[in-house]
Amino acid sequence: MASTSSSQEAPAQDKRRRVDADPDAAAANPDRLITSADPEHPANLIPSLCAKFWTLGWVTGTGGGCSIRDGDLVYIAPSGVQKELMKNTDIYVLSLSAQRDPTFRQRTYLRSPPCYKPSQCTPLFLAAFTRRGAGCCIHTHSQWAVLVTLLLEQQQQQQQQQQQQGGAGGAGSGGSGSGSGGGGGGRNVFEINNLEQIKGFGRGPSKQGNLGYHDTLRIPVIENTPHEEDLTEYLEAAMEEFPDTYAVLVRRHGVYVWGDNVHKAKTQCESLDYLFQLAVEMRKLGISWISDIPRIAPDRP
């Protein structure tokens, strides 16, 4: 569902949506879609969020991006803009209901900035909105996210080498997953458990509550492609295979994270980056990402 404000602010937001969603008004003056004194307006919020993400190293060198859905309207950061310098006038706006191409490769915009190109991330953002009902989707080029995908790749290579050596010697290593720190899923899924920050993630779009301390967080990994929009079908396939996930890692590239609203997408992205960094440091110390520790207190709803 889309991002919501407090009950006191709801009438103003509803009024804004009615004005913004008027196609005739948008065609006559597209800039009205991105003009507001409200700091929570998506056209103002995306630049402020991207400036914060830049300080974290998530959107370096014009990479990465952010999109917010407000009802039927979708606000998208453009391609090629320095994210720490972005302005509300740089934002693209489209109507979901006005799109005719189900793949979102061909899109019509209600408002386009004159100096930029549409982001190649757009079809992936729209997949989060249409397939997950998300209100916000964030794409980062976090080094920690990239490193985690490389560690999973390395782990698989080491397991294959162990199997080959075991087969040649007749012993059979079995590929237990204990190489280079051990645990953490196969090449195509990042798994980690028994860490407090895991509680920052919901159990799934159709489930109540958040994950618990002892639960296992699973984030699928897809392979990178030369052109970002070509990732869309693989991201959608990962969504189908992992219906409870709020994120998808892209090997040697970064991560897409979404949430019901801006608050949830942002906090889940922050929690993930924390866990990715922790996972990299754990691997350096030979600590497994998956552990079996005793429960000293019962779970509570």
C-alpha atoms as a PDB file:
ATOM      1  CA  MET A   1       0.000   0.000   0.000  1.00  0.00           C
ATOM      2  CA  ALA A   2       1.084   3.587  -0.471  1.00  0.00           C
ATOM      3  CA  SER A   3       2.794   5.735   2.112  1.00  0.00           C
ATOM      4  CA  THR A   4       0.397   7.355   4.568  1.00  0.00           C
ATOM      5  CA  SER A   5       0.706  10.342   6.840  1.00  0.00           C
ATOM      6  CA  SER A   6      -0.774  10.802  10.286  1.00  0.00           C
ATOM      7  CA  SER A   7      -4.548  11.042  10.676  1.00  0.00           C
ATOM      8  CA  GLN A   8      -4.299  14.806  11.156  1.00  0.00           C
ATOM      9  CA  GLU A   9      -2.558  15.181   7.780  1.00  0.00           C
ATOM     10  CA  ALA A  10      -4.712  12.734   5.822  1.00  0.00           C
ATOM     11  CA  PRO A  11      -7.275  15.267   4.467  1.00  0.00           C
ATOM     12  CA  ALA A  12      -4.511  17.462   3.009  1.00  0.00           C
ATOM     13  CA  GLN A  13      -2.842  14.462   1.427  1.00  0.00           C
ATOM     14  CA  ASP A  14      -6.146  13.247  -0.029  1.00  0.00           C
ATOM     15  CA  LYS A  15      -6.701  16.693  -1.538  1.00  0.00           C
ATOM     16  CA  ARG A  16      -3.208  16.648  -3.040  1.00  0.00           C
ATOM     17  CA  ARG A  17      -3.873  13.271  -4.613  1.00  0.00           C
ATOM     18  CA  ARG A  18      -7.138  14.454  -6.177  1.00  0.00           C
ATOM     19  CA  VAL A  19      -5.426  17.477  -7.708  1.00  0.00           C
ATOM     20  CA  ASP A  20      -2.361  15.537  -8.873  1.00  0.00           C
ATOM     21  CA  ALA A  21      -4.354  12.690 -10.371  1.00  0.00           C
ATOM     22  CA  ASP A  22      -6.382  14.980 -12.675  1.00  0.00           C
ATOM     23  CA  PRO A  23      -4.935  14.100 -16.125  1.00  0.00           C
ATOM     24  CA  ASP A  24      -6.176  17.300 -17.757  1.00  0.00           C
ATOM     25  CA  ALA A  25      -4.602  19.448 -15.040  1.00  0.00           C
ATOM     26  CA  ALA A  26      -1.355  17.480 -15.282  1.00  0.00           C
ATOM     27  CA  ALA A  27      -1.239  17.869 -19.063  1.00  0.00           C
ATOM     28  CA  ALA A  28      -1.857  21.602 -18.814  1.00  0.00           C
ATOM     29  CA  ASN A  29       0.782  22.139 -16.133  1.00  0.00           C
ATOM     30  CA  PRO A  30       2.957  19.073 -15.436  1.00  0.00           C
ATOM     31  CA  ASP A  31       5.059  20.958 -12.901  1.00  0.00           C
ATOM     32  CA  ARG A  32       2.116  21.115 -10.514  1.00  0.00           C
ATOM     33  CA  LEU A  33       2.790  17.418  -9.897  1.00  0.00           C
ATOM     34  CA  ILE A  34       6.151  18.186  -8.284  1.00  0.00           C
ATOM     35  CA  THR A  35       5.408  21.580  -6.714  1.00  0.00           C
ATOM     36  CA  SER A  36       4.591  21.540  -3.005  1.00  0.00           C
ATOM     37  CA  ALA A  37       5.780  23.142   0.225  1.00  0.00           C
ATOM     38  CA  ASP A  38       5.142  19.844   2.016  1.00  0.00           C
ATOM     39  CA  PRO A  39       8.511  18.173   2.797  1.00  0.00           C
ATOM     40  CA  GLU A  40       6.704  14.800   2.764  1.00  0.00           C
ATOM     41  CA  HIS A  41       5.533  15.287  -0.822  1.00  0.00           C
ATOM     42  CA  PRO A  42       7.242  12.571  -2.919  1.00  0.00           C
ATOM     43  CA  ALA A  43       8.905  15.122  -5.205  1.00  0.00           C
ATOM     44  CA  ASN A  44      10.553  16.722  -2.166  1.00  0.00           C
ATOM     45  CA  LEU A  45      11.131  13.506  -0.252  1.00  0.00           C
ATOM     46  CA  ILE A  46      13.051  11.679  -2.998  1.00  0.00           C
ATOM     47  CA  PRO A  47      15.813  14.338  -3.231  1.00  0.00           C
ATOM     48  CA  SER A  48      16.175  14.527   0.560  1.00  0.00           C
ATOM     49  CA  LEU A  49      16.339  10.732   0.861  1.00  0.00           C
ATOM     50  CA  CYS A  50      18.872  10.427  -1.961  1.00  0.00           C
ATOM     51  CA  ALA A  51      21.056  13.088  -0.331  1.00  0.00           C
ATOM     52  CA  LYS A  52      21.075  10.975   2.844  1.00  0.00           C
ATOM     53  CA  PHE A  53      21.790   7.820   0.866  1.00  0.00           C
ATOM     54  CA  TRP A  54      24.738   9.564  -0.821  1.00  0.00           C
ATOM     55  CA  THR A  55      26.326  10.249   2.576  1.00  0.00           C
ATOM     56  CA  LEU A  56      26.067   6.495   3.288  1.00  0.00           C
ATOM     57  CA  GLY A  57      27.825   5.592   0.033  1.00  0.00           C
ATOM     58  CA  TRP A  58      24.705   3.967  -1.397  1.00  0.00           C
ATOM     59  CA  VAL A  59      24.260   6.147  -4.515  1.00  0.00           C
ATOM     60  CA  THR A  60      27.794   7.139  -5.469  1.00  0.00           C
ATOM     61  CA  GLY A  61      28.545   8.468  -8.957  1.00  0.00           C
ATOM     62  CA  THR A  62      24.885   8.874 -10.025  1.00  0.00           C
ATOM     63  CA  GLY A  63      24.227   5.157  -9.347  1.00  0.00           C
ATOM     64  CA  GLY A  64      21.236   3.859  -7.441  1.00  0.00           C
ATOM     65  CA  GLY A  65      17.864   5.519  -7.108  1.00  0.00           C
ATOM     66  CA  CYS A  66      14.531   5.796  -5.358  1.00  0.00           C
ATOM     67  CA  SER A  67      10.863   5.792  -6.306  1.00  0.00           C
ATOM     68  CA  ILE A  68       7.715   6.528  -4.296  1.00  0.00           C
ATOM     69  CA  ARG A  69       4.149   5.530  -5.141  1.00  0.00           C
ATOM     70  CA  ASP A  70       1.375   7.844  -3.973  1.00  0.00           C
ATOM     71  CA  GLY A  71      -1.904   6.240  -4.958  1.00  0.00           C
ATOM     72  CA  ASP A  72      -1.827   5.832  -8.740  1.00  0.00           C
ATOM     73  CA  LEU A  73       1.049   8.276  -9.180  1.00  0.00           C
ATOM     74  CA  VAL A  74       4.681   7.152  -9.210  1.00  0.00           C
ATOM     75  CA  TYR A  75       7.569   9.574  -8.614  1.00  0.00           C
ATOM     76  CA  ILE A  76      10.989   8.468  -9.864  1.00  0.00           C
ATOM     77  CA  ALA A  77      14.533   9.807  -9.583  1.00  0.00           C
ATOM     78  CA  PRO A  78      16.064  10.298 -13.066  1.00  0.00           C
ATOM     79  CA  SER A  79      19.089   8.664 -14.644  1.00  0.00           C
ATOM     80  CA  GLY A  80      22.465  10.370 -14.582  1.00  0.00           C
ATOM     81  CA  VAL A  81      21.818  12.884 -11.811  1.00  0.00           C
ATOM     82  CA  GLN A  82      24.204  13.360  -8.889  1.00  0.00           C
ATOM     83  CA  LYS A  83      21.947  12.133  -6.134  1.00  0.00           C
ATOM     84  CA  GLU A  84      23.219  14.557  -3.471  1.00  0.00           C
ATOM     85  CA  LEU A  85      22.355  17.497  -5.761  1.00  0.00           C
ATOM     86  CA  MET A  86      18.935  16.344  -6.923  1.00  0.00           C
ATOM     87  CA  LYS A  87      16.001  18.785  -6.896  1.00  0.00           C
ATOM     88  CA  ASN A  88      12.254  18.288  -7.049  1.00  0.00           C
ATOM     89  CA  THR A  89      12.321  19.612 -10.629  1.00  0.00           C
ATOM     90  CA  ASP A  90      14.436  16.580 -11.634  1.00  0.00           C
ATOM     91  CA  ILE A  91      11.667  14.101 -10.808  1.00  0.00           C
ATOM     92  CA  TYR A  92       9.714  12.017 -13.318  1.00  0.00           C
ATOM     93  CA  VAL A  93       6.021  11.299 -12.660  1.00  0.00           C
ATOM     94  CA  LEU A  94       3.813   8.657 -14.240  1.00  0.00           C
ATOM     95  CA  SER A  95       0.375   7.164 -13.715  1.00  0.00           C
ATOM     96  CA  LEU A  96       0.321   3.412 -13.164  1.00  0.00           C
ATOM     97  CA  SER A  97      -3.172   3.049 -14.621  1.00  0.00           C
ATOM     98  CA  ALA A  98      -2.133   4.890 -17.788  1.00  0.00           C
ATOM     99  CA  GLN A  99       0.566   2.348 -18.710  1.00  0.00           C
ATOM    100  CA  ARG A 100      -0.329   0.009 -21.583  1.00  0.00           C
ATOM    101  CA  ASP A 101       2.833  -2.118 -21.790  1.00  0.00           C
ATOM    102  CA  PRO A 102       2.630  -4.856 -19.111  1.00  0.00           C
ATOM    103  CA  THR A 103       6.440  -5.119 -19.104  1.00  0.00           C
ATOM    104  CA  PHE A 104       6.765  -1.352 -18.509  1.00  0.00           C
ATOM    105  CA  ARG A 105       9.510  -1.189 -21.164  1.00  0.00           C
ATOM    106  CA  GLN A 106       7.462   1.425 -23.015  1.00  0.00           C
ATOM    107  CA  ARG A 107       6.112   4.046 -20.646  1.00  0.00           C
ATOM    108  CA  THR A 108       4.185   7.300 -20.788  1.00  0.00           C
ATOM    109  CA  TYR A 109       4.971  10.036 -18.289  1.00  0.00           C
ATOM    110  CA  LEU A 110       2.787  12.779 -16.918  1.00  0.00           C
ATOM    111  CA  ARG A 111       5.857  14.848 -16.175  1.00  0.00           C
ATOM    112  CA  SER A 112       9.438  14.597 -17.511  1.00  0.00           C
ATOM    113  CA  PRO A 113      12.392  16.849 -16.607  1.00  0.00           C
ATOM    114  CA  PRO A 114      13.990  18.459 -19.676  1.00  0.00           C
ATOM    115  CA  CYS A 115      17.645  17.606 -18.988  1.00  0.00           C
ATOM    116  CA  TYR A 116      17.617  13.939 -17.959  1.00  0.00           C
ATOM    117  CA  LYS A 117      16.664  10.474 -19.167  1.00  0.00           C
ATOM    118  CA  PRO A 118      14.267   8.095 -17.409  1.00  0.00           C
ATOM    119  CA  SER A 119      15.947   5.728 -14.994  1.00  0.00           C
ATOM    120  CA  GLN A 120      16.562   2.181 -16.244  1.00  0.00           C
ATOM    121  CA  CYS A 121      15.522   1.134 -12.731  1.00  0.00           C
ATOM    122  CA  THR A 122      11.939   2.185 -13.490  1.00  0.00           C
ATOM    123  CA  PRO A 123      10.564  -1.254 -14.544  1.00  0.00           C
ATOM    124  CA  LEU A 124      12.061  -2.783 -11.392  1.00  0.00           C
ATOM    125  CA  PHE A 125      10.519  -0.093  -9.197  1.00  0.00           C
ATOM    126  CA  LEU A 126       7.171  -0.665 -10.904  1.00  0.00           C
ATOM    127  CA  ALA A 127       7.464  -4.413 -10.294  1.00  0.00           C
ATOM    128  CA  ALA A 128       7.675  -3.716  -6.550  1.00  0.00           C
ATOM    129  CA  PHE A 129       4.607  -1.471  -6.757  1.00  0.00           C
ATOM    130  CA  THR A 130       2.439  -3.755  -8.897  1.00  0.00           C
ATOM    131  CA  ARG A 131       3.539  -7.169  -7.589  1.00  0.00           C
ATOM    132  CA  ARG A 132       4.072  -6.285  -3.940  1.00  0.00           C
ATOM    133  CA  GLY A 133       1.815  -3.269  -3.457  1.00  0.00           C
ATOM    134  CA  ALA A 134       4.853  -1.363  -2.184  1.00  0.00           C
ATOM    135  CA  GLY A 135       4.753   2.357  -1.506  1.00  0.00           C
ATOM    136  CA  CYS A 136       8.494   2.921  -1.902  1.00  0.00           C
ATOM    137  CA  CYS A 137      11.410   1.136  -3.561  1.00  0.00           C
ATOM    138  CA  ILE A 138      15.093   1.961  -3.014  1.00  0.00           C
ATOM    139  CA  HIS A 139      18.013   0.803  -5.149  1.00  0.00           C
ATOM    140  CA  THR A 140      21.528   1.122  -3.720  1.00  0.00           C
ATOM    141  CA  HIS A 141      25.036   0.342  -4.925  1.00  0.00           C
ATOM    142  CA  SER A 142      26.183  -0.350  -1.372  1.00  0.00           C
ATOM    143  CA  GLN A 143      29.647  -1.897  -1.254  1.00  0.00           C
ATOM    144  CA  TRP A 144      28.475  -4.229   1.520  1.00  0.00           C
ATOM    145  CA  ALA A 145      25.668  -5.562  -0.657  1.00  0.00           C
ATOM    146  CA  VAL A 146      28.102  -6.182  -3.518  1.00  0.00           C
ATOM    147  CA  LEU A 147      30.614  -7.881  -1.209  1.00  0.00           C
ATOM    148  CA  VAL A 148      27.979 -10.242   0.168  1.00  0.00           C
ATOM    149  CA  THR A 149      27.127 -11.409  -3.351  1.00  0.00           C
ATOM    150  CA  LEU A 150      30.836 -11.975  -4.039  1.00  0.00           C
ATOM    151  CA  LEU A 151      31.248 -13.977  -0.835  1.00  0.00           C
ATOM    152  CA  LEU A 152      28.328 -16.206  -1.814  1.00  0.00           C
ATOM    153  CA  GLU A 153      29.913 -16.697  -5.226  1.00  0.00           C
ATOM    154  CA  GLN A 154      33.264 -17.518  -3.636  1.00  0.00           C
ATOM    155  CA  GLN A 155      31.624 -19.940  -1.210  1.00  0.00           C
ATOM    156  CA  GLN A 156      30.014 -21.879  -4.029  1.00  0.00           C
ATOM    157  CA  GLN A 157      33.311 -22.090  -5.910  1.00  0.00           C
ATOM    158  CA  GLN A 158      35.052 -23.427  -2.804  1.00  0.00           C
ATOM    159  CA  GLN A 159      32.324 -26.009  -2.242  1.00  0.00           C
ATOM    160  CA  GLN A 160      32.625 -27.188  -5.838  1.00  0.00           C
ATOM    161  CA  GLN A 161      36.395 -27.517  -5.463  1.00  0.00           C
ATOM    162  CA  GLN A 162      35.926 -29.529  -2.260  1.00  0.00           C
ATOM    163  CA  GLN A 163      33.471 -31.842  -3.999  1.00  0.00           C
ATOM    164  CA  GLN A 164      35.827 -32.354  -6.934  1.00  0.00           C
ATOM    165  CA  GLN A 165      38.770 -33.055  -4.641  1.00  0.00           C
ATOM    166  CA  GLY A 166      36.677 -35.381  -2.520  1.00  0.00           C
ATOM    167  CA  GLY A 167      35.428 -37.227  -5.579  1.00  0.00           C
ATOM    168  CA  ALA A 168      38.953 -37.621  -6.936  1.00  0.00           C
ATOM    169  CA  GLY A 169      40.151 -38.990  -3.594  1.00  0.00           C
ATOM    170  CA  GLY A 170      37.117 -41.183  -3.086  1.00  0.00           C
ATOM    171  CA  ALA A 171      36.212 -39.529   0.230  1.00  0.00           C
ATOM    172  CA  GLY A 172      33.430 -37.179  -0.880  1.00  0.00           C
ATOM    173  CA  SER A 173      33.295 -33.884   0.965  1.00  0.00           C
ATOM    174  CA  GLY A 174      29.528 -33.502   0.529  1.00  0.00           C
ATOM    175  CA  GLY A 175      29.680 -29.736   0.038  1.00  0.00           C
ATOM    176  CA  SER A 176      28.570 -28.939   3.572  1.00  0.00           C
ATOM    177  CA  GLY A 177      28.783 -25.173   3.086  1.00  0.00           C
ATOM    178  CA  SER A 178      31.312 -24.718   5.853  1.00  0.00           C
ATOM    179  CA  GLY A 179      34.076 -23.285   3.666  1.00  0.00           C
ATOM    180  CA  SER A 180      35.303 -19.733   4.192  1.00  0.00           C
ATOM    181  CA  GLY A 181      33.236 -19.087   7.279  1.00  0.00           C
ATOM    182  CA  GLY A 182      30.388 -21.432   6.407  1.00  0.00           C
ATOM    183  CA  GLY A 183      26.647 -21.075   6.200  1.00  0.00           C
ATOM    184  CA  GLY A 184      24.620 -18.322   4.663  1.00  0.00           C
ATOM    185  CA  GLY A 185      22.802 -20.170   1.885  1.00  0.00           C
ATOM    186  CA  GLY A 186      23.920 -21.066  -1.622  1.00  0.00           C
ATOM    187  CA  ARG A 187      25.037 -18.877  -4.470  1.00  0.00           C
ATOM    188  CA  ASN A 188      21.556 -17.485  -5.051  1.00  0.00           C
ATOM    189  CA  VAL A 189      20.350 -16.695  -1.533  1.00  0.00           C
ATOM    190  CA  PHE A 190      21.820 -14.791   1.400  1.00  0.00           C
ATOM    191  CA  GLU A 191      20.794 -16.254   4.765  1.00  0.00           C
ATOM    192  CA  ILE A 192      21.572 -15.044   8.262  1.00  0.00           C
ATOM    193  CA  ASN A 193      20.003 -15.650  11.678  1.00  0.00           C
ATOM    194  CA  ASN A 194      20.289 -15.082  15.422  1.00  0.00           C
ATOM    195  CA  LEU A 195      21.004 -11.351  15.142  1.00  0.00           C
ATOM    196  CA  GLU A 196      18.944  -8.568  16.708  1.00  0.00           C
ATOM    197  CA  GLN A 197      18.729  -6.423  13.557  1.00  0.00           C
ATOM    198  CA  ILE A 198      16.759  -9.159  11.783  1.00  0.00           C
ATOM    199  CA  LYS A 199      13.756  -7.931  13.786  1.00  0.00           C
ATOM    200  CA  GLY A 200      13.663  -4.906  11.457  1.00  0.00           C
ATOM    201  CA  PHE A 201      11.988  -6.969   8.702  1.00  0.00           C
ATOM    202  CA  GLY A 202       8.391  -7.990   8.233  1.00  0.00           C
ATOM    203  CA  ARG A 203       7.497 -11.668   7.975  1.00  0.00           C
ATOM    204  CA  GLY A 204       5.998 -11.122   4.542  1.00  0.00           C
ATOM    205  CA  PRO A 205       3.420  -9.026   2.667  1.00  0.00           C
ATOM    206  CA  SER A 206       0.502 -11.240   3.759  1.00  0.00           C
ATOM    207  CA  LYS A 207       1.788 -12.028   7.255  1.00  0.00           C
ATOM    208  CA  GLN A 208       1.523 -10.267  10.589  1.00  0.00           C
ATOM    209  CA  GLY A 209       4.457  -8.898  12.543  1.00  0.00           C
ATOM    210  CA  ASN A 210       8.203  -8.874  12.049  1.00  0.00           C
ATOM    211  CA  LEU A 211      10.845 -11.575  12.026  1.00  0.00           C
ATOM    212  CA  GLY A 212      12.192 -12.606  15.410  1.00  0.00           C
ATOM    213  CA  TYR A 213      15.723 -12.778  16.749  1.00  0.00           C
ATOM    214  CA  HIS A 214      15.983 -16.530  16.094  1.00  0.00           C
ATOM    215  CA  ASP A 215      14.401 -16.404  12.632  1.00  0.00           C
ATOM    216  CA  THR A 216      16.397 -16.694   9.413  1.00  0.00           C
ATOM    217  CA  LEU A 217      16.386 -13.754   7.028  1.00  0.00           C
ATOM    218  CA  ARG A 218      16.588 -14.862   3.382  1.00  0.00           C
ATOM    219  CA  ILE A 219      17.409 -12.485   0.523  1.00  0.00           C
ATOM    220  CA  PRO A 220      17.497 -13.905  -3.021  1.00  0.00           C
ATOM    221  CA  VAL A 221      20.376 -13.067  -5.369  1.00  0.00           C
ATOM    222  CA  ILE A 222      19.984 -12.574  -9.119  1.00  0.00           C
ATOM    223  CA  GLU A 223      22.735 -12.260 -11.717  1.00  0.00           C
ATOM    224  CA  ASN A 224      23.609  -8.847 -13.127  1.00  0.00           C
ATOM    225  CA  THR A 225      22.913  -7.829 -16.736  1.00  0.00           C
ATOM    226  CA  PRO A 226      24.625  -5.206 -18.934  1.00  0.00           C
ATOM    227  CA  HIS A 227      21.428  -3.121 -19.024  1.00  0.00           C
ATOM    228  CA  GLU A 228      19.540  -2.561 -15.784  1.00  0.00           C
ATOM    229  CA  GLU A 229      16.036  -2.823 -17.198  1.00  0.00           C
ATOM    230  CA  ASP A 230      16.880  -6.375 -18.340  1.00  0.00           C
ATOM    231  CA  LEU A 231      17.001  -7.350 -14.657  1.00  0.00           C
ATOM    232  CA  THR A 232      13.223  -6.972 -14.388  1.00  0.00           C
ATOM    233  CA  GLU A 233      12.196 -10.522 -15.324  1.00  0.00           C
ATOM    234  CA  TYR A 234      14.778 -11.989 -12.946  1.00  0.00           C
ATOM    235  CA  LEU A 235      13.677  -9.733 -10.098  1.00  0.00           C
ATOM    236  CA  GLU A 236      10.072 -10.746 -10.727  1.00  0.00           C
ATOM    237  CA  ALA A 237      11.063 -14.423 -10.745  1.00  0.00           C
ATOM    238  CA  ALA A 238      12.849 -13.946  -7.405  1.00  0.00           C
ATOM    239  CA  MET A 239       9.698 -12.324  -6.011  1.00  0.00           C
ATOM    240  CA  GLU A 240       7.717 -15.390  -7.065  1.00  0.00           C
ATOM    241  CA  GLU A 241      10.211 -17.828  -5.562  1.00  0.00           C
ATOM    242  CA  PHE A 242      10.593 -15.835  -2.332  1.00  0.00           C
ATOM    243  CA  PRO A 243       7.113 -14.377  -1.694  1.00  0.00           C
ATOM    244  CA  ASP A 244       8.038 -13.094   1.771  1.00  0.00           C
ATOM    245  CA  THR A 245      11.132 -11.133   0.770  1.00  0.00           C
ATOM    246  CA  TYR A 246      11.338  -7.349   0.832  1.00  0.00           C
ATOM    247  CA  ALA A 247      14.621  -7.210  -1.088  1.00  0.00           C
ATOM    248  CA  VAL A 248      16.587  -8.729  -3.957  1.00  0.00           C
ATOM    249  CA  LEU A 249      20.373  -8.630  -4.253  1.00  0.00           C
ATOM    250  CA  VAL A 250      21.976  -8.187  -7.683  1.00  0.00           C
ATOM    251  CA  ARG A 251      25.353  -9.887  -7.986  1.00  0.00           C
ATOM    252  CA  ARG A 252      28.311  -7.487  -8.300  1.00  0.00           C
ATOM    253  CA  HIS A 253      25.831  -4.603  -8.490  1.00  0.00           C
ATOM    254  CA  GLY A 254      23.728  -3.764  -5.434  1.00  0.00           C
ATOM    255  CA  VAL A 255      20.304  -4.346  -3.908  1.00  0.00           C
ATOM    256  CA  TYR A 256      16.638  -3.420  -4.394  1.00  0.00           C
ATOM    257  CA  VAL A 257      14.612  -2.933  -1.203  1.00  0.00           C
ATOM    258  CA  TRP A 258      10.934  -2.050  -0.923  1.00  0.00           C
ATOM    259  CA  GLY A 259       8.334  -1.482   1.763  1.00  0.00           C
ATOM    260  CA  ASP A 260       4.680  -0.660   2.281  1.00  0.00           C
ATOM    261  CA  ASN A 261       5.659   2.975   2.714  1.00  0.00           C
ATOM    262  CA  VAL A 262       8.733   5.205   2.746  1.00  0.00           C
ATOM    263  CA  HIS A 263       9.409   4.609   6.442  1.00  0.00           C
ATOM    264  CA  LYS A 264       9.436   0.819   6.079  1.00  0.00           C
ATOM    265  CA  ALA A 265      11.492   0.815   2.883  1.00  0.00           C
ATOM    266  CA  LYS A 266      14.091   3.135   4.419  1.00  0.00           C
ATOM    267  CA  THR A 267      14.405   1.302   7.738  1.00  0.00           C
ATOM    268  CA  GLN A 268      14.571  -2.097   6.043  1.00  0.00           C
ATOM    269  CA  CYS A 269      17.266  -0.809   3.693  1.00  0.00           C
ATOM    270  CA  GLU A 270      19.256   0.509   6.665  1.00  0.00           C
ATOM    271  CA  SER A 271      18.835  -2.777   8.534  1.00  0.00           C
ATOM    272  CA  LEU A 272      19.947  -4.761   5.496  1.00  0.00           C
ATOM    273  CA  ASP A 273      23.059  -2.675   4.981  1.00  0.00           C
ATOM    274  CA  TYR A 274      23.942  -3.155   8.657  1.00  0.00           C
ATOM    275  CA  LEU A 275      23.546  -6.925   8.275  1.00  0.00           C
ATOM    276  CA  PHE A 276      25.536  -7.007   5.029  1.00  0.00           C
ATOM    277  CA  GLN A 277      28.438  -5.188   6.673  1.00  0.00           C
ATOM    278  CA  LEU A 278      28.216  -7.456   9.696  1.00  0.00           C
ATOM    279  CA  ALA A 279      28.179 -10.520   7.433  1.00  0.00           C
ATOM    280  CA  VAL A 280      31.356  -9.391   5.662  1.00  0.00           C
ATOM    281  CA  GLU A 281      33.121  -8.873   8.990  1.00  0.00           C
ATOM    282  CA  MET A 282      31.836 -12.208  10.321  1.00  0.00           C
ATOM    283  CA  ARG A 283      33.256 -13.990   7.295  1.00  0.00           C
ATOM    284  CA  LYS A 284      36.665 -12.380   7.916  1.00  0.00           C
ATOM    285  CA  LEU A 285      36.606 -13.884  11.411  1.00  0.00           C
ATOM    286  CA  GLY A 286      35.435 -17.289  10.225  1.00  0.00           C
ATOM    287  CA  ILE A 287      32.028 -16.901  11.902  1.00  0.00           C
ATOM    288  CA  SER A 288      29.110 -18.608  10.172  1.00  0.00           C
ATOM    289  CA  TRP A 289      26.119 -16.527   9.138  1.00  0.00           C
ATOM    290  CA  ILE A 290      23.840 -19.383  10.212  1.00  0.00           C
ATOM    291  CA  SER A 291      24.149 -20.526  13.820  1.00  0.00           C
ATOM    292  CA  ASP A 292      22.311 -22.840  16.178  1.00  0.00           C
ATOM    293  CA  ILE A 293      22.081 -21.256  19.604  1.00  0.00           C
ATOM    294  CA  PRO A 294      19.795 -22.201  22.505  1.00  0.00           C
ATOM    295  CA  ARG A 295      16.618 -20.250  23.202  1.00  0.00           C
ATOM    296  CA  ILE A 296      16.675 -18.913  26.728  1.00  0.00           C
ATOM    297  CA  ALA A 297      13.168 -17.417  26.590  1.00  0.00           C
ATOM    298  CA  PRO A 298      10.005 -18.346  24.676  1.00  0.00           C
ATOM    299  CA  ASP A 299       8.801 -16.389  21.654  1.00  0.00           C
ATOM    300  CA  ARG A 300       5.833 -14.094  22.219  1.00  0.00           C
ATOM    301  CA  PRO A 301       3.372 -12.828  19.609  1.00  0.00           C
END
